[in-house]
C-alpha atoms as a PDB file:
ATOM      1  CA  UNK A   1       0.029  -0.340  -0.046  1.00  0.00           C
ATOM      2  CA  UNK A   2       2.141   2.383  -1.125  1.00  0.00           C
ATOM      3  CA  UNK A   3       1.803   5.810   0.194  1.00  0.00           C
ATOM      4  CA  UNK A   4      -0.554   4.746   2.844  1.00  0.00           C
ATOM      5  CA  UNK A   5       1.370   2.581   5.576  1.00  0.00           C
ATOM      6  CA  UNK A   6       1.576   3.180   9.257  1.00  0.00           C
ATOM      7  CA  UNK A   7       4.849   4.924   8.827  1.00  0.00           C
ATOM      8  CA  UNK A   8       2.436   7.447   6.425  1.00  0.00           C
ATOM      9  CA  UNK A   9      -0.151   8.490   8.434  1.00  0.00           C
ATOM     10  CA  UNK A  10       2.269   8.794  11.635  1.00  0.00           C
ATOM     11  CA  UNK A  11       3.935  11.997   9.376  1.00  0.00           C
ATOM     12  CA  UNK A  12       0.553  13.202   8.619  1.00  0.00           C
ATOM     13  CA  UNK A  13      -0.091  13.021  12.208  1.00  0.00           C
ATOM     14  CA  UNK A  14       3.022  14.263  13.229  1.00  0.00           C
ATOM     15  CA  UNK A  15       5.198  16.456  10.645  1.00  0.00           C
ATOM     16  CA  UNK A  16       8.392  15.148  12.394  1.00  0.00           C
ATOM     17  CA  UNK A  17       9.406  11.607  13.666  1.00  0.00           C
ATOM     18  CA  UNK A  18      12.266  11.093  15.989  1.00  0.00           C
ATOM     19  CA  UNK A  19      13.200   7.039  15.964  1.00  0.00           C
ATOM     20  CA  UNK A  20      15.607   5.719  18.565  1.00  0.00           C
ATOM     21  CA  UNK A  21      17.716   2.830  17.473  1.00  0.00           C
ATOM     22  CA  UNK A  22      16.705  -0.410  19.730  1.00  0.00           C
ATOM     23  CA  UNK A  23      18.884  -3.587  19.622  1.00  0.00           C
ATOM     24  CA  UNK A  24      16.995  -6.034  21.712  1.00  0.00           C
ATOM     25  CA  UNK A  25      13.328  -6.449  23.034  1.00  0.00           C
ATOM     26  CA  UNK A  26      14.611  -4.560  26.651  1.00  0.00           C
ATOM     27  CA  UNK A  27      15.881  -1.215  24.600  1.00  0.00           C
ATOM     28  CA  UNK A  28      12.145  -1.927  22.266  1.00  0.00           C
ATOM     29  CA  UNK A  29      10.325  -2.100  25.101  1.00  0.00           C
ATOM     30  CA  UNK A  30      11.919   1.218  27.335  1.00  0.00           C
ATOM     31  CA  UNK A  31      11.702   3.332  24.266  1.00  0.00           C
ATOM     32  CA  UNK A  32       8.609   2.123  23.887  1.00  0.00           C
ATOM     33  CA  UNK A  33       7.552   3.208  27.199  1.00  0.00           C
ATOM     34  CA  UNK A  34       8.973   6.364  26.638  1.00  0.00           C
ATOM     35  CA  UNK A  35       6.798   7.624  24.029  1.00  0.00           C
ATOM     36  CA  UNK A  36       8.414   6.930  20.866  1.00  0.00           C
ATOM     37  CA  UNK A  37       5.923   6.578  17.752  1.00  0.00           C
ATOM     38  CA  UNK A  38       8.614   4.241  15.977  1.00  0.00           C
ATOM     39  CA  UNK A  39      11.447   2.725  16.129  1.00  0.00           C
ATOM     40  CA  UNK A  40      14.477   1.811  14.037  1.00  0.00           C
ATOM     41  CA  UNK A  41      16.792  -1.387  14.492  1.00  0.00           C
ATOM     42  CA  UNK A  42      20.481  -0.279  13.593  1.00  0.00           C
ATOM     43  CA  UNK A  43      22.628  -2.690  12.098  1.00  0.00           C
ATOM     44  CA  UNK A  44      25.852  -1.057  13.694  1.00  0.00           C
ATOM     45  CA  UNK A  45      23.930  -1.739  17.512  1.00  0.00           C
ATOM     46  CA  UNK A  46      22.874  -5.679  16.572  1.00  0.00           C
ATOM     47  CA  UNK A  47      26.231  -6.581  15.142  1.00  0.00           C
ATOM     48  CA  UNK A  48      28.089  -4.614  18.056  1.00  0.00           C
ATOM     49  CA  UNK A  49      25.153  -6.108  21.258  1.00  0.00           C
ATOM     50  CA  UNK A  50      24.572  -9.429  19.103  1.00  0.00           C
ATOM     51  CA  UNK A  51      28.557 -10.093  18.294  1.00  0.00           C
ATOM     52  CA  UNK A  52      30.251  -7.802  19.907  1.00  0.00           C
ATOM     53  CA  UNK A  53      32.023  -7.066  16.204  1.00  0.00           C
ATOM     54  CA  UNK A  54      31.875  -3.372  13.757  1.00  0.00           C
ATOM     55  CA  UNK A  55      29.380  -2.811  11.605  1.00  0.00           C
ATOM     56  CA  UNK A  56      31.508  -4.130   8.572  1.00  0.00           C
ATOM     57  CA  UNK A  57      29.084  -6.699   7.224  1.00  0.00           C
ATOM     58  CA  UNK A  58      29.410  -9.201   9.822  1.00  0.00           C
ATOM     59  CA  UNK A  59      26.231  -9.919  10.634  1.00  0.00           C
ATOM     60  CA  UNK A  60      24.245 -12.184   8.321  1.00  0.00           C
ATOM     61  CA  UNK A  61      20.476 -12.367   7.152  1.00  0.00           C
ATOM     62  CA  UNK A  62      19.924 -14.966   9.546  1.00  0.00           C
ATOM     63  CA  UNK A  63      21.152 -13.240  12.430  1.00  0.00           C
ATOM     64  CA  UNK A  64      19.409  -9.587  11.438  1.00  0.00           C
ATOM     65  CA  UNK A  65      15.744 -11.495  11.094  1.00  0.00           C
ATOM     66  CA  UNK A  66      15.801 -13.679  13.957  1.00  0.00           C
ATOM     67  CA  UNK A  67      16.696 -10.418  15.983  1.00  0.00           C
ATOM     68  CA  UNK A  68      13.915  -8.505  14.500  1.00  0.00           C
ATOM     69  CA  UNK A  69      11.259 -11.388  15.062  1.00  0.00           C
ATOM     70  CA  UNK A  70      12.053 -11.290  18.850  1.00  0.00           C
ATOM     71  CA  UNK A  71      12.238  -7.500  18.988  1.00  0.00           C
ATOM     72  CA  UNK A  72       8.815  -7.154  16.938  1.00  0.00           C
ATOM     73  CA  UNK A  73       7.360  -9.131  19.758  1.00  0.00           C
ATOM     74  CA  UNK A  74       8.224  -7.181  22.414  1.00  0.00           C
ATOM     75  CA  UNK A  75       5.906  -4.027  21.260  1.00  0.00           C
ATOM     76  CA  UNK A  76       3.233  -3.097  19.600  1.00  0.00           C
ATOM     77  CA  UNK A  77       5.167  -0.069  17.676  1.00  0.00           C
ATOM     78  CA  UNK A  78       5.691   0.249  14.562  1.00  0.00           C
ATOM     79  CA  UNK A  79       9.719  -0.672  13.537  1.00  0.00           C
ATOM     80  CA  UNK A  80      12.137   0.389  10.715  1.00  0.00           C
ATOM     81  CA  UNK A  81      14.824  -2.385  10.063  1.00  0.00           C
ATOM     82  CA  UNK A  82      18.262  -1.119   8.762  1.00  0.00           C
ATOM     83  CA  UNK A  83      18.322  -4.231   6.029  1.00  0.00           C
ATOM     84  CA  UNK A  84      21.844  -3.126   4.886  1.00  0.00           C
ATOM     85  CA  UNK A  85      22.019  -3.774   0.972  1.00  0.00           C
ATOM     86  CA  UNK A  86      19.562  -6.631   1.224  1.00  0.00           C
ATOM     87  CA  UNK A  87      22.502  -9.206   1.686  1.00  0.00           C
ATOM     88  CA  UNK A  88      22.893  -9.799  -2.211  1.00  0.00           C
ATOM     89  CA  UNK A  89      21.161  -9.287  -5.106  1.00  0.00           C
ATOM     90  CA  UNK A  90      17.595  -7.888  -5.885  1.00  0.00           C
ATOM     91  CA  UNK A  91      16.676 -11.751  -5.613  1.00  0.00           C
ATOM     92  CA  UNK A  92      17.977 -11.761  -1.668  1.00  0.00           C
ATOM     93  CA  UNK A  93      16.327  -8.508  -1.711  1.00  0.00           C
ATOM     94  CA  UNK A  94      13.068 -10.101  -2.249  1.00  0.00           C
ATOM     95  CA  UNK A  95      13.654 -12.762   0.296  1.00  0.00           C
ATOM     96  CA  UNK A  96      14.819 -10.262   2.649  1.00  0.00           C
ATOM     97  CA  UNK A  97      11.552  -7.996   2.206  1.00  0.00           C
ATOM     98  CA  UNK A  98       9.366 -11.522   2.661  1.00  0.00           C
ATOM     99  CA  UNK A  99      11.315 -12.282   5.825  1.00  0.00           C
ATOM    100  CA  UNK A 100      11.266  -9.182   7.707  1.00  0.00           C
ATOM    101  CA  UNK A 101       7.481  -8.785   6.753  1.00  0.00           C
ATOM    102  CA  UNK A 102       7.177 -12.009   8.058  1.00  0.00           C
ATOM    103  CA  UNK A 103       8.953 -10.814  11.281  1.00  0.00           C
ATOM    104  CA  UNK A 104       6.868  -8.409  12.246  1.00  0.00           C
ATOM    105  CA  UNK A 105       8.545  -5.052  10.621  1.00  0.00           C
ATOM    106  CA  UNK A 106       6.832  -2.193   9.483  1.00  0.00           C
ATOM    107  CA  UNK A 107       9.687  -0.717   6.886  1.00  0.00           C
ATOM    108  CA  UNK A 108      13.334  -1.302   5.909  1.00  0.00           C
ATOM    109  CA  UNK A 109      16.227   0.716   5.060  1.00  0.00           C
ATOM    110  CA  UNK A 110      17.993  -0.519   1.903  1.00  0.00           C
ATOM    111  CA  UNK A 111      21.827   1.150   0.955  1.00  0.00           C
ATOM    112  CA  UNK A 112      23.720   1.420  -1.974  1.00  0.00           C
ATOM    113  CA  UNK A 113      26.892   0.261  -0.598  1.00  0.00           C
ATOM    114  CA  UNK A 114      29.123  -3.026  -2.009  1.00  0.00           C
ATOM    115  CA  UNK A 115      29.184  -5.782   0.515  1.00  0.00           C
ATOM    116  CA  UNK A 116      30.775  -6.008   2.387  1.00  0.00           C
ATOM    117  CA  UNK A 117      29.185  -3.165   3.683  1.00  0.00           C
ATOM    118  CA  UNK A 118      30.085  -0.724   6.975  1.00  0.00           C
ATOM    119  CA  UNK A 119      28.882   2.012   9.388  1.00  0.00           C
ATOM    120  CA  UNK A 120      27.963   5.348   7.565  1.00  0.00           C
ATOM    121  CA  UNK A 121      29.906   7.380   8.969  1.00  0.00           C
ATOM    122  CA  UNK A 122      33.274   5.309   9.071  1.00  0.00           C
ATOM    123  CA  UNK A 123      35.746   5.119   6.084  1.00  0.00           C
ATOM    124  CA  UNK A 124      36.494   2.992   2.959  1.00  0.00           C
ATOM    125  CA  UNK A 125      32.607   2.587   1.526  1.00  0.00           C
ATOM    126  CA  UNK A 126      31.992   1.689  -2.167  1.00  0.00           C
ATOM    127  CA  UNK A 127      29.213   2.157  -3.692  1.00  0.00           C
ATOM    128  CA  UNK A 128      27.183  -0.075  -6.854  1.00  0.00           C
ATOM    129  CA  UNK A 129      26.287   1.691 -10.017  1.00  0.00           C
ATOM    130  CA  UNK A 130      23.199   3.337  -9.687  1.00  0.00           C
ATOM    131  CA  UNK A 131      21.333   0.940 -12.264  1.00  0.00           C
ATOM    132  CA  UNK A 132      21.890  -1.874 -10.045  1.00  0.00           C
ATOM    133  CA  UNK A 133      20.228  -0.377  -6.065  1.00  0.00           C
ATOM    134  CA  UNK A 134      17.348   0.734  -8.773  1.00  0.00           C
ATOM    135  CA  UNK A 135      16.548  -2.821  -9.344  1.00  0.00           C
ATOM    136  CA  UNK A 136      17.024  -3.761  -5.975  1.00  0.00           C
ATOM    137  CA  UNK A 137      14.462  -1.086  -5.160  1.00  0.00           C
ATOM    138  CA  UNK A 138      12.100  -2.336  -7.670  1.00  0.00           C
ATOM    139  CA  UNK A 139      12.408  -5.765  -6.090  1.00  0.00           C
ATOM    140  CA  UNK A 140      11.561  -4.631  -2.796  1.00  0.00           C
ATOM    141  CA  UNK A 141       8.603  -2.518  -4.145  1.00  0.00           C
ATOM    142  CA  UNK A 142       7.392  -5.822  -5.459  1.00  0.00           C
ATOM    143  CA  UNK A 143       7.845  -8.075  -2.839  1.00  0.00           C
ATOM    144  CA  UNK A 144       5.938  -5.986  -0.386  1.00  0.00           C
ATOM    145  CA  UNK A 145       3.174  -7.158  -2.425  1.00  0.00           C
ATOM    146  CA  UNK A 146       0.875  -4.298  -0.739  1.00  0.00           C
ATOM    147  CA  UNK A 147       1.929  -5.057   2.958  1.00  0.00           C
ATOM    148  CA  UNK A 148       2.076  -2.162   5.560  1.00  0.00           C
ATOM    149  CA  UNK A 149       5.851  -2.121   4.590  1.00  0.00           C
ATOM    150  CA  UNK A 150       7.757   1.119   4.395  1.00  0.00           C
ATOM    151  CA  UNK A 151      10.785   1.359   2.091  1.00  0.00           C
ATOM    152  CA  UNK A 152      13.948   3.843   2.603  1.00  0.00           C
ATOM    153  CA  UNK A 153      15.940   4.460  -0.326  1.00  0.00           C
ATOM    154  CA  UNK A 154      19.373   5.290   1.561  1.00  0.00           C
ATOM    155  CA  UNK A 155      22.617   6.371  -0.799  1.00  0.00           C
ATOM    156  CA  UNK A 156      26.299   6.477   0.587  1.00  0.00           C
ATOM    157  CA  UNK A 157      27.298   8.476  -2.313  1.00  0.00           C
ATOM    158  CA  UNK A 158      27.813  11.250  -0.928  1.00  0.00           C
ATOM    159  CA  UNK A 159      31.417  10.334   0.785  1.00  0.00           C
ATOM    160  CA  UNK A 160      32.028   8.465  -2.600  1.00  0.00           C
ATOM    161  CA  UNK A 161      31.222  11.018  -5.159  1.00  0.00           C
ATOM    162  CA  UNK A 162      29.955  13.675  -3.864  1.00  0.00           C
ATOM    163  CA  UNK A 163      25.885  15.797  -2.501  1.00  0.00           C
ATOM    164  CA  UNK A 164      25.190  15.575  -6.493  1.00  0.00           C
ATOM    165  CA  UNK A 165      25.609  11.954  -7.021  1.00  0.00           C
ATOM    166  CA  UNK A 166      23.883  11.336  -3.979  1.00  0.00           C
ATOM    167  CA  UNK A 167      21.304  13.387  -4.946  1.00  0.00           C
ATOM    168  CA  UNK A 168      21.268  12.374  -8.714  1.00  0.00           C
ATOM    169  CA  UNK A 169      20.453   8.501  -7.316  1.00  0.00           C
ATOM    170  CA  UNK A 170      18.087   9.576  -4.454  1.00  0.00           C
ATOM    171  CA  UNK A 171      16.236  11.139  -7.756  1.00  0.00           C
ATOM    172  CA  UNK A 172      16.174   7.609  -9.217  1.00  0.00           C
ATOM    173  CA  UNK A 173      15.481   5.573  -6.433  1.00  0.00           C
ATOM    174  CA  UNK A 174      12.086   7.593  -5.684  1.00  0.00           C
ATOM    175  CA  UNK A 175      11.716   6.630  -9.572  1.00  0.00           C
ATOM    176  CA  UNK A 176      11.862   3.254  -9.045  1.00  0.00           C
ATOM    177  CA  UNK A 177       9.655   3.208  -6.014  1.00  0.00           C
ATOM    178  CA  UNK A 178      10.824   4.044  -2.351  1.00  0.00           C
ATOM    179  CA  UNK A 179       8.891   5.849  -0.091  1.00  0.00           C
ATOM    180  CA  UNK A 180      11.526   7.746   1.660  1.00  0.00           C
ATOM    181  CA  UNK A 181      15.137   9.009   1.044  1.00  0.00           C
ATOM    182  CA  UNK A 182      18.255   9.144   3.219  1.00  0.00           C
ATOM    183  CA  UNK A 183      21.303  10.239   2.026  1.00  0.00           C
ATOM    184  CA  UNK A 184      23.921   9.171   4.334  1.00  0.00           C
ATOM    185  CA  UNK A 185      26.647  11.459   5.864  1.00  0.00           C
ATOM    186  CA  UNK A 186      25.912  15.092   4.941  1.00  0.00           C
ATOM    187  CA  UNK A 187      28.927  17.179   6.539  1.00  0.00           C
ATOM    188  CA  UNK A 188      27.359  20.462   7.251  1.00  0.00           C
ATOM    189  CA  UNK A 189      23.893  22.148   8.080  1.00  0.00           C
ATOM    190  CA  UNK A 190      23.968  23.633   4.014  1.00  0.00           C
ATOM    191  CA  UNK A 191      24.581  20.260   2.887  1.00  0.00           C
ATOM    192  CA  UNK A 192      20.949  19.115   4.680  1.00  0.00           C
ATOM    193  CA  UNK A 193      19.425  22.309   3.231  1.00  0.00           C
ATOM    194  CA  UNK A 194      20.396  20.984  -0.042  1.00  0.00           C
ATOM    195  CA  UNK A 195      18.910  18.001   0.001  1.00  0.00           C
ATOM    196  CA  UNK A 196      15.275  19.311   1.269  1.00  0.00           C
ATOM    197  CA  UNK A 197      15.875  21.733  -2.002  1.00  0.00           C
ATOM    198  CA  UNK A 198      16.214  19.116  -4.298  1.00  0.00           C
ATOM    199  CA  UNK A 199      14.675  15.950  -2.652  1.00  0.00           C
ATOM    200  CA  UNK A 200      10.644  15.126  -2.614  1.00  0.00           C
ATOM    201  CA  UNK A 201       9.756  14.214   1.129  1.00  0.00           C
ATOM    202  CA  UNK A 202       9.700  12.670   3.220  1.00  0.00           C
ATOM    203  CA  UNK A 203      13.521  12.469   4.038  1.00  0.00           C
ATOM    204  CA  UNK A 204      15.914  11.110   6.563  1.00  0.00           C
ATOM    205  CA  UNK A 205      18.100  12.682   8.447  1.00  0.00           C
ATOM    206  CA  UNK A 206      20.807  10.385  10.682  1.00  0.00           C
ATOM    207  CA  UNK A 207      22.210  11.794  14.362  1.00  0.00           C
ATOM    208  CA  UNK A 208      24.845   9.697  14.854  1.00  0.00           C
ATOM    209  CA  UNK A 209      26.753  11.121  18.197  1.00  0.00           C
ATOM    210  CA  UNK A 210      30.096  11.549  16.997  1.00  0.00           C
ATOM    211  CA  UNK A 211      29.685  11.098  13.305  1.00  0.00           C
ATOM    212  CA  UNK A 212      29.983  13.918  10.132  1.00  0.00           C
ATOM    213  CA  UNK A 213      26.625  15.130  10.158  1.00  0.00           C
ATOM    214  CA  UNK A 214      25.877  17.978  12.477  1.00  0.00           C
ATOM    215  CA  UNK A 215      23.749  17.149  15.328  1.00  0.00           C
ATOM    216  CA  UNK A 216      20.291  19.579  15.857  1.00  0.00           C
ATOM    217  CA  UNK A 217      17.384  18.946  17.556  1.00  0.00           C
ATOM    218  CA  UNK A 218      13.645  17.935  15.981  1.00  0.00           C
ATOM    219  CA  UNK A 219      12.979  21.517  15.863  1.00  0.00           C
ATOM    220  CA  UNK A 220      15.548  22.677  13.386  1.00  0.00           C
ATOM    221  CA  UNK A 221      15.333  19.269  11.407  1.00  0.00           C
ATOM    222  CA  UNK A 222      11.877  20.049  10.594  1.00  0.00           C
ATOM    223  CA  UNK A 223      12.726  23.657   9.631  1.00  0.00           C
ATOM    224  CA  UNK A 224      15.245  22.320   7.207  1.00  0.00           C
ATOM    225  CA  UNK A 225      12.471  19.916   5.711  1.00  0.00           C
ATOM    226  CA  UNK A 226      13.494  16.734   6.893  1.00  0.00           C
ATOM    227  CA  UNK A 227      10.855  14.463   8.652  1.00  0.00           C
ATOM    228  CA  UNK A 228      12.240  11.100   9.917  1.00  0.00           C
ATOM    229  CA  UNK A 229      14.838  11.683  12.281  1.00  0.00           C
ATOM    230  CA  UNK A 230      16.694   8.348  13.272  1.00  0.00           C
ATOM    231  CA  UNK A 231      18.989   8.623  16.396  1.00  0.00           C
ATOM    232  CA  UNK A 232      20.268   4.859  15.974  1.00  0.00           C
ATOM    233  CA  UNK A 233      23.174   4.640  18.431  1.00  0.00           C
ATOM    234  CA  UNK A 234      21.699   6.514  21.719  1.00  0.00           C
ATOM    235  CA  UNK A 235      20.748   3.912  23.761  1.00  0.00           C
ATOM    236  CA  UNK A 236      23.509   1.678  22.592  1.00  0.00           C
ATOM    237  CA  UNK A 237      25.873   4.425  23.771  1.00  0.00           C
ATOM    238  CA  UNK A 238      24.315   5.192  26.877  1.00  0.00           C
ATOM    239  CA  UNK A 239      23.611   1.366  28.018  1.00  0.00           C
ATOM    240  CA  UNK A 240      27.549   1.147  27.057  1.00  0.00           C
ATOM    241  CA  UNK A 241      28.584   4.040  29.455  1.00  0.00           C
ATOM    242  CA  UNK A 242      26.649   3.231  32.176  1.00  0.00           C
ATOM    243  CA  UNK A 243      27.378  -0.846  32.112  1.00  0.00           C
ATOM    244  CA  UNK A 244      31.101   0.481  31.754  1.00  0.00           C
ATOM    245  CA  UNK A 245      30.630   2.490  34.802  1.00  0.00           C
ATOM    246  CA  UNK A 246      28.521   0.755  36.978  1.00  0.00           C
ATOM    247  CA  UNK A 247      31.332  -2.403  36.209  1.00  0.00           C
ATOM    248  CA  UNK A 248      34.322  -0.368  37.266  1.00  0.00           C
ATOM    249  CA  UNK A 249      32.700   0.482  40.170  1.00  0.00           C
ATOM    250  CA  UNK A 250      32.282  -2.946  41.397  1.00  0.00           C
ATOM    251  CA  UNK A 251      35.445  -3.627  40.133  1.00  0.00           C
ATOM    252  CA  UNK A 252      37.548  -1.505  42.066  1.00  0.00           C
ATOM    253  CA  UNK A 253      34.528  -1.352  45.295  1.00  0.00           C
ATOM    254  CA  UNK A 254      33.545  -4.812  45.574  1.00  0.00           C
ATOM    255  CA  UNK A 255      30.327  -3.380  45.657  1.00  0.00           C
ATOM    256  CA  UNK A 256      27.312  -1.273  44.459  1.00  0.00           C
ATOM    257  CA  UNK A 257      26.556  -0.529  48.034  1.00  0.00           C
ATOM    258  CA  UNK A 258      26.970   3.207  47.646  1.00  0.00           C
ATOM    259  CA  UNK A 259      25.803   3.434  43.623  1.00  0.00           C
ATOM    260  CA  UNK A 260      22.300   2.105  44.011  1.00  0.00           C
ATOM    261  CA  UNK A 261      21.148   4.873  42.991  1.00  0.00           C
ATOM    262  CA  UNK A 262      22.172   5.090  39.806  1.00  0.00           C
ATOM    263  CA  UNK A 263      20.413   1.886  39.234  1.00  0.00           C
ATOM    264  CA  UNK A 264      17.170   1.342  37.713  1.00  0.00           C
ATOM    265  CA  UNK A 265      15.019  -0.095  40.728  1.00  0.00           C
ATOM    266  CA  UNK A 266      13.742  -3.819  40.814  1.00  0.00           C
ATOM    267  CA  UNK A 267       9.888  -3.059  40.897  1.00  0.00           C
ATOM    268  CA  UNK A 268      10.799  -0.723  37.944  1.00  0.00           C
ATOM    269  CA  UNK A 269      13.067  -3.086  35.832  1.00  0.00           C
ATOM    270  CA  UNK A 270      10.382  -5.775  36.485  1.00  0.00           C
ATOM    271  CA  UNK A 271       7.555  -3.528  35.509  1.00  0.00           C
ATOM    272  CA  UNK A 272       9.205  -2.948  32.128  1.00  0.00           C
ATOM    273  CA  UNK A 273       9.473  -6.827  31.860  1.00  0.00           C
ATOM    274  CA  UNK A 274       5.608  -7.037  32.828  1.00  0.00           C
ATOM    275  CA  UNK A 275       6.551  -9.597  35.686  1.00  0.00           C
ATOM    276  CA  UNK A 276       2.559  -8.893  37.232  1.00  0.00           C
ATOM    277  CA  UNK A 277       1.067 -10.094  34.059  1.00  0.00           C
ATOM    278  CA  UNK A 278       3.291 -13.237  33.565  1.00  0.00           C
ATOM    279  CA  UNK A 279       2.263 -13.861  37.755  1.00  0.00           C
ATOM    280  CA  UNK A 280      -1.642 -13.623  36.611  1.00  0.00           C
ATOM    281  CA  UNK A 281      -0.968 -15.858  33.682  1.00  0.00           C
ATOM    282  CA  UNK A 282       0.811 -18.319  35.769  1.00  0.00           C
ATOM    283  CA  UNK A 283      -2.223 -18.542  38.322  1.00  0.00           C
ATOM    284  CA  UNK A 284      -4.637 -18.824  35.509  1.00  0.00           C
ATOM    285  CA  UNK A 285      -2.803 -22.014  34.415  1.00  0.00           C
ATOM    286  CA  UNK A 286      -2.154 -22.887  38.153  1.00  0.00           C
ATOM    287  CA  UNK A 287      -3.943 -26.587  38.640  1.00  0.00           C
ATOM    288  CA  UNK A 288      -6.372 -25.668  42.136  1.00  0.00           C
ATOM    289  CA  UNK A 289      -4.905 -26.596  45.341  1.00  0.00           C
ATOM    290  CA  UNK A 290      -6.821 -29.958  47.220  1.00  0.00           C
ATOM    291  CA  UNK A 291      -8.077 -29.320  50.469  1.00  0.00           C
ATOM    292  CA  UNK A 292      -6.217 -30.676  52.941  1.00  0.00           C
ATOM    293  CA  UNK A 293      -7.266 -33.506  54.970  1.00  0.00           C
ATOM    294  CA  UNK A 294      -6.617 -33.877  58.471  1.00  0.00           C
END
């Protein structure tokens, strides 16, 4: 249903949407409780959290789909998935889209890097010919077959061949049927404004802490003309920092007694994983107690 997906409707309602990156069922539950309308599964985050490896194309399609299944089951929020290059040629893209829809995903990012790909803000990227990625976009559009599935065409050509080439490719990807466009790694506000002027919305902005693109807030990006704001690594970096800090303290002090205030409380954590509901479920299927005989 091109033009009539959940993501289209949320964009029409809110104008701009911030999508926090999640990487497991717990982070998805936390993001949903925080009130975010759409969540995003980052390949960088999955590679780091599931494999302990950088975003260098190590994550396989099978590993991605397994993670997407678990995360989508944990929340009713729509989730857009970083599907990298689609894991091969257009035929592989067909299968990737089918598997993502079956897993419960609401959409995907599909990029034009050569495999093995790498994080869009790392050096050493290469891109495939524009015509080859057009065919991948066409395959993705065909594979959704009217499903509620939002397709974002991403190009990494900005760092490889310049902004003009990235814009040229984006026009072709839109013509091939992409719902939204994403030029990765612009380096200035001026480049963001050029993108918004030259391309048809909706457009994606990637707000990656420590990346090459300036960090702007929702209002600033909305004023420029960018509607889908992805913050893919915020939760991952915050979690890693908090984990490193508390474990360093535990190793040196031998206890967390003085750091209890920096931890989520036992009951609050249990509410995130919906413990009471599972107690109720357990009681529902518990055998009735037999009367005691004296």
